Amino acid sequence: MAQKFANGRWVREGFLDNRVEGTVVGRIVLAAAGPVDLYLKGDFKADIAGHLIEFRNTRFEDDEVAGHVIGDIENPQIGTVNLISFDPHPNLAPHPYVEWFTTGSRHYRFELEAQDAWIVPPGQCGSFDEESQQIRARLAGRAIECPKCEESESDWV
C-alpha cells in the first residue's frame, strides 16, 4: 500500500528536477519530517519531461499525526519514478501527481491541486541548479535498480 501523505496534505512544498534524462532529483518538505531529498531513476511523463517543477501545497497541514506516521521517513529517498505528471489520468481533470518506489520497495505518492505546481521557466531555474547538482552528486552512487519497481505499475496509467 502506498503512503499518500494524508492525501497530500502533509506535503508542504518542494521541487523535482528532470533536466538530466533518466533521473529525477529534488527536495520535498513534509510535515513533521522536514526536507527530504530524492534521487529517482526514470523520467517525468511526456507532458512535463525534461523540466524542473516547483510546488507549494495550498492544502498543507502540519498536524501531530504526521509525526507518528511519517516522522521516520527515510531521508534521502532513493528509488525509481513510477509516475510523475501534471495530467496522469485521461478520465480526471489534470493535476500534479507524484509517485515513486524506493530501493527498499516502499511506495509513496501524493497529488496536489492543479494550481499548486508549475514548470519553472528555463530562465528562472538558476536558484535550483546548485541544489539539484549537489543532490545528484551526493546520491548518484547510492542509486541501484529496484526489481519490484520495474514490475509494479501505478493505478494511474
C-alpha atoms as a PDB file:
ATOM      1  CA  MET A   1       0.000   0.000   0.000  1.00  0.00           C
ATOM      2  CA  ALA A   2       1.255   3.471  -0.822  1.00  0.00           C
ATOM      3  CA  GLN A   3       1.936   6.184   1.709  1.00  0.00           C
ATOM      4  CA  LYS A   4      -0.216   9.047   0.428  1.00  0.00           C
ATOM      5  CA  PHE A   5       0.920  11.658   2.974  1.00  0.00           C
ATOM      6  CA  ALA A   6      -2.649  12.190   4.257  1.00  0.00           C
ATOM      7  CA  ASN A   7      -3.951  12.596   0.713  1.00  0.00           C
ATOM      8  CA  GLY A   8      -1.177  15.079   0.038  1.00  0.00           C
ATOM      9  CA  ARG A   9      -1.947  17.385   2.968  1.00  0.00           C
ATOM     10  CA  TRP A  10       1.401  16.636   4.663  1.00  0.00           C
ATOM     11  CA  VAL A  11       3.377  17.764   1.608  1.00  0.00           C
ATOM     12  CA  ARG A  12       4.274  21.408   2.117  1.00  0.00           C
ATOM     13  CA  GLU A  13       6.468  22.383  -0.852  1.00  0.00           C
ATOM     14  CA  GLY A  14       9.417  21.363  -2.937  1.00  0.00           C
ATOM     15  CA  PHE A  15      10.898  20.872  -6.350  1.00  0.00           C
ATOM     16  CA  LEU A  16      11.634  17.992  -8.693  1.00  0.00           C
ATOM     17  CA  ASP A  17      14.200  18.251 -11.488  1.00  0.00           C
ATOM     18  CA  ASN A  18      14.160  16.030 -14.591  1.00  0.00           C
ATOM     19  CA  ARG A  19      16.536  18.147 -16.684  1.00  0.00           C
ATOM     20  CA  VAL A  20      19.062  15.277 -16.764  1.00  0.00           C
ATOM     21  CA  GLU A  21      17.455  12.468 -18.743  1.00  0.00           C
ATOM     22  CA  GLY A  22      16.956   9.282 -16.762  1.00  0.00           C
ATOM     23  CA  THR A  23      16.964  10.871 -13.307  1.00  0.00           C
ATOM     24  CA  VAL A  24      14.703  12.956 -11.133  1.00  0.00           C
ATOM     25  CA  VAL A  25      16.266  14.741  -8.176  1.00  0.00           C
ATOM     26  CA  GLY A  26      14.631  17.114  -5.760  1.00  0.00           C
ATOM     27  CA  ARG A  27      13.557  18.052  -2.301  1.00  0.00           C
ATOM     28  CA  ILE A  28      10.135  17.686  -0.704  1.00  0.00           C
ATOM     29  CA  VAL A  29       9.308  19.386   2.597  1.00  0.00           C
ATOM     30  CA  LEU A  30       6.953  17.220   4.656  1.00  0.00           C
ATOM     31  CA  ALA A  31       5.003  17.845   7.838  1.00  0.00           C
ATOM     32  CA  ALA A  32       6.923  16.552  10.867  1.00  0.00           C
ATOM     33  CA  ALA A  33       9.809  15.200   8.754  1.00  0.00           C
ATOM     34  CA  GLY A  34      11.013  18.454   7.183  1.00  0.00           C
ATOM     35  CA  PRO A  35      13.085  18.454   3.978  1.00  0.00           C
ATOM     36  CA  VAL A  36      13.583  15.066   2.297  1.00  0.00           C
ATOM     37  CA  ASP A  37      15.901  14.730  -0.703  1.00  0.00           C
ATOM     38  CA  LEU A  38      15.026  12.438  -3.610  1.00  0.00           C
ATOM     39  CA  TYR A  39      17.130  10.676  -6.222  1.00  0.00           C
ATOM     40  CA  LEU A  40      14.959   8.623  -8.549  1.00  0.00           C
ATOM     41  CA  LYS A  41      15.818   6.762 -11.712  1.00  0.00           C
ATOM     42  CA  GLY A  42      13.400   7.484 -14.534  1.00  0.00           C
ATOM     43  CA  ASP A  43      11.724  10.490 -16.085  1.00  0.00           C
ATOM     44  CA  PHE A  44       8.605  12.580 -15.780  1.00  0.00           C
ATOM     45  CA  LYS A  45       5.755  11.622 -18.088  1.00  0.00           C
ATOM     46  CA  ALA A  46       5.858  13.272 -21.536  1.00  0.00           C
ATOM     47  CA  ASP A  47       3.703  16.267 -20.515  1.00  0.00           C
ATOM     48  CA  ILE A  48       6.497  17.646 -18.295  1.00  0.00           C
ATOM     49  CA  ALA A  49       9.553  15.509 -19.227  1.00  0.00           C
ATOM     50  CA  GLY A  50      12.868  17.324 -19.196  1.00  0.00           C
ATOM     51  CA  HIS A  51      11.678  20.139 -16.954  1.00  0.00           C
ATOM     52  CA  LEU A  52      12.062  21.339 -13.399  1.00  0.00           C
ATOM     53  CA  ILE A  53       8.825  21.668 -11.450  1.00  0.00           C
ATOM     54  CA  GLU A  54       8.139  23.523  -8.235  1.00  0.00           C
ATOM     55  CA  PHE A  55       5.185  23.121  -5.912  1.00  0.00           C
ATOM     56  CA  ARG A  56       3.551  24.711  -2.845  1.00  0.00           C
ATOM     57  CA  ASN A  57       0.574  22.959  -1.357  1.00  0.00           C
ATOM     58  CA  THR A  58      -2.367  25.217  -0.508  1.00  0.00           C
ATOM     59  CA  ARG A  59      -3.906  22.338   1.498  1.00  0.00           C
ATOM     60  CA  PHE A  60      -0.799  21.738   3.665  1.00  0.00           C
ATOM     61  CA  GLU A  61      -1.461  20.651   7.261  1.00  0.00           C
ATOM     62  CA  ASP A  62       1.259  20.193   9.865  1.00  0.00           C
ATOM     63  CA  ASP A  63      -0.586  18.098  12.409  1.00  0.00           C
ATOM     64  CA  GLU A  64       0.599  15.854  15.226  1.00  0.00           C
ATOM     65  CA  VAL A  65      -0.485  12.667  13.470  1.00  0.00           C
ATOM     66  CA  ALA A  66       2.068  13.328  10.691  1.00  0.00           C
ATOM     67  CA  GLY A  67       4.889  12.821  13.167  1.00  0.00           C
ATOM     68  CA  HIS A  68       3.592   9.398  14.109  1.00  0.00           C
ATOM     69  CA  VAL A  69       3.026   8.286  10.517  1.00  0.00           C
ATOM     70  CA  ILE A  70       5.880   9.825   8.511  1.00  0.00           C
ATOM     71  CA  GLY A  71       8.230  11.258  11.125  1.00  0.00           C
ATOM     72  CA  ASP A  72      10.746   8.477  10.473  1.00  0.00           C
ATOM     73  CA  ILE A  73      10.617   8.531   6.657  1.00  0.00           C
ATOM     74  CA  GLU A  74      13.916   7.517   5.112  1.00  0.00           C
ATOM     75  CA  ASN A  75      15.976  10.524   4.086  1.00  0.00           C
ATOM     76  CA  PRO A  76      17.121  10.577   1.359  1.00  0.00           C
ATOM     77  CA  GLN A  77      14.572   8.751  -0.757  1.00  0.00           C
ATOM     78  CA  ILE A  78      16.378   6.700  -3.402  1.00  0.00           C
ATOM     79  CA  GLY A  79      14.452   4.674  -5.932  1.00  0.00           C
ATOM     80  CA  THR A  80      12.536   4.720  -9.170  1.00  0.00           C
ATOM     81  CA  VAL A  81       9.914   7.008 -10.671  1.00  0.00           C
ATOM     82  CA  ASN A  82       6.620   5.261 -11.164  1.00  0.00           C
ATOM     83  CA  LEU A  83       4.610   8.242 -12.449  1.00  0.00           C
ATOM     84  CA  ILE A  84       5.201  11.988 -12.252  1.00  0.00           C
ATOM     85  CA  SER A  85       2.823  14.044 -14.370  1.00  0.00           C
ATOM     86  CA  PHE A  86       0.531  17.066 -14.425  1.00  0.00           C
ATOM     87  CA  ASP A  87      -2.039  15.038 -16.389  1.00  0.00           C
ATOM     88  CA  PRO A  88      -1.875  11.482 -15.008  1.00  0.00           C
ATOM     89  CA  HIS A  89      -5.253  10.066 -15.962  1.00  0.00           C
ATOM     90  CA  PRO A  90      -7.426  10.690 -19.028  1.00  0.00           C
ATOM     91  CA  ASN A  91     -10.683  10.487 -17.052  1.00  0.00           C
ATOM     92  CA  LEU A  92      -9.749  13.115 -14.469  1.00  0.00           C
ATOM     93  CA  ALA A  93      -9.004  16.816 -14.603  1.00  0.00           C
ATOM     94  CA  PRO A  94      -5.269  17.479 -14.967  1.00  0.00           C
ATOM     95  CA  HIS A  95      -3.464  17.820 -11.633  1.00  0.00           C
ATOM     96  CA  PRO A  96       0.056  17.174 -10.296  1.00  0.00           C
ATOM     97  CA  TYR A  97       0.668  13.538  -9.394  1.00  0.00           C
ATOM     98  CA  VAL A  98       3.962  12.237  -7.957  1.00  0.00           C
ATOM     99  CA  GLU A  99       4.600   8.536  -7.339  1.00  0.00           C
ATOM    100  CA  TRP A 100       7.774   6.548  -6.703  1.00  0.00           C
ATOM    101  CA  PHE A 101       9.170   3.335  -5.218  1.00  0.00           C
ATOM    102  CA  THR A 102      12.246   3.271  -3.005  1.00  0.00           C
ATOM    103  CA  THR A 103      15.017   0.720  -3.418  1.00  0.00           C
ATOM    104  CA  GLY A 104      13.551  -0.859  -0.273  1.00  0.00           C
ATOM    105  CA  SER A 105      10.278  -1.332  -2.215  1.00  0.00           C
ATOM    106  CA  ARG A 106       8.355   1.297  -0.263  1.00  0.00           C
ATOM    107  CA  HIS A 107       5.676   3.024  -2.294  1.00  0.00           C
ATOM    108  CA  TYR A 108       4.946   6.744  -1.981  1.00  0.00           C
ATOM    109  CA  ARG A 109       2.603   9.072  -3.811  1.00  0.00           C
ATOM    110  CA  PHE A 110       0.832  12.378  -3.499  1.00  0.00           C
ATOM    111  CA  GLU A 111      -1.493  14.532  -5.537  1.00  0.00           C
ATOM    112  CA  LEU A 112      -1.878  18.304  -5.490  1.00  0.00           C
ATOM    113  CA  GLU A 113      -4.387  20.819  -6.750  1.00  0.00           C
ATOM    114  CA  ALA A 114      -3.722  21.963 -10.318  1.00  0.00           C
ATOM    115  CA  GLN A 115      -2.603  25.453  -9.273  1.00  0.00           C
ATOM    116  CA  ASP A 116      -0.171  24.132  -6.637  1.00  0.00           C
ATOM    117  CA  ALA A 117       2.585  23.039  -9.075  1.00  0.00           C
ATOM    118  CA  TRP A 118       4.166  24.588 -12.132  1.00  0.00           C
ATOM    119  CA  ILE A 119       7.023  24.189 -14.592  1.00  0.00           C
ATOM    120  CA  VAL A 120       9.834  26.586 -13.717  1.00  0.00           C
ATOM    121  CA  PRO A 121      10.759  28.609 -16.837  1.00  0.00           C
ATOM    122  CA  PRO A 122      14.324  27.836 -18.018  1.00  0.00           C
ATOM    123  CA  GLY A 123      15.487  31.385 -17.259  1.00  0.00           C
ATOM    124  CA  GLN A 124      14.369  31.015 -13.619  1.00  0.00           C
ATOM    125  CA  CYS A 125      15.943  27.624 -12.837  1.00  0.00           C
ATOM    126  CA  GLY A 126      19.213  29.112 -11.580  1.00  0.00           C
ATOM    127  CA  SER A 127      18.167  29.110  -7.940  1.00  0.00           C
ATOM    128  CA  PHE A 128      17.642  25.323  -8.134  1.00  0.00           C
ATOM    129  CA  ASP A 129      20.754  24.431 -10.156  1.00  0.00           C
ATOM    130  CA  GLU A 130      23.167  24.149  -7.233  1.00  0.00           C
ATOM    131  CA  GLU A 131      20.740  22.146  -5.063  1.00  0.00           C
ATOM    132  CA  SER A 132      19.981  19.736  -7.919  1.00  0.00           C
ATOM    133  CA  GLN A 133      23.678  19.263  -8.704  1.00  0.00           C
ATOM    134  CA  GLN A 134      24.530  18.640  -5.051  1.00  0.00           C
ATOM    135  CA  ILE A 135      21.737  16.089  -4.614  1.00  0.00           C
ATOM    136  CA  ARG A 136      22.717  14.334  -7.846  1.00  0.00           C
ATOM    137  CA  ALA A 137      26.431  14.235  -6.942  1.00  0.00           C
ATOM    138  CA  ARG A 138      25.814  13.058  -3.368  1.00  0.00           C
ATOM    139  CA  LEU A 139      23.269  10.352  -4.164  1.00  0.00           C
ATOM    140  CA  ALA A 140      24.020   9.027  -7.670  1.00  0.00           C
ATOM    141  CA  GLY A 141      26.386   6.365  -6.350  1.00  0.00           C
ATOM    142  CA  ARG A 142      23.716   5.057  -3.978  1.00  0.00           C
ATOM    143  CA  ALA A 143      21.100   4.523  -6.685  1.00  0.00           C
ATOM    144  CA  ILE A 144      20.571   0.909  -7.654  1.00  0.00           C
ATOM    145  CA  GLU A 145      17.921  -0.824  -9.661  1.00  0.00           C
ATOM    146  CA  CYS A 146      14.796  -1.689  -7.733  1.00  0.00           C
ATOM    147  CA  PRO A 147      13.451  -5.015  -9.098  1.00  0.00           C
ATOM    148  CA  LYS A 148       9.969  -4.560  -7.608  1.00  0.00           C
ATOM    149  CA  CYS A 149       9.808  -1.043  -9.071  1.00  0.00           C
ATOM    150  CA  GLU A 150      10.192  -2.368 -12.589  1.00  0.00           C
ATOM    151  CA  GLU A 151       7.409  -4.909 -12.094  1.00  0.00           C
ATOM    152  CA  SER A 152       4.940  -2.535 -10.450  1.00  0.00           C
ATOM    153  CA  GLU A 153       2.637  -0.207 -12.246  1.00  0.00           C
ATOM    154  CA  SER A 154       0.671   2.712 -10.969  1.00  0.00           C
ATOM    155  CA  ASP A 155      -3.066   2.603 -10.572  1.00  0.00           C
ATOM    156  CA  TRP A 156      -2.937   5.598 -12.938  1.00  0.00           C
ATOM    157  CA  VAL A 157      -1.750   4.818 -16.410  1.00  0.00           C
END
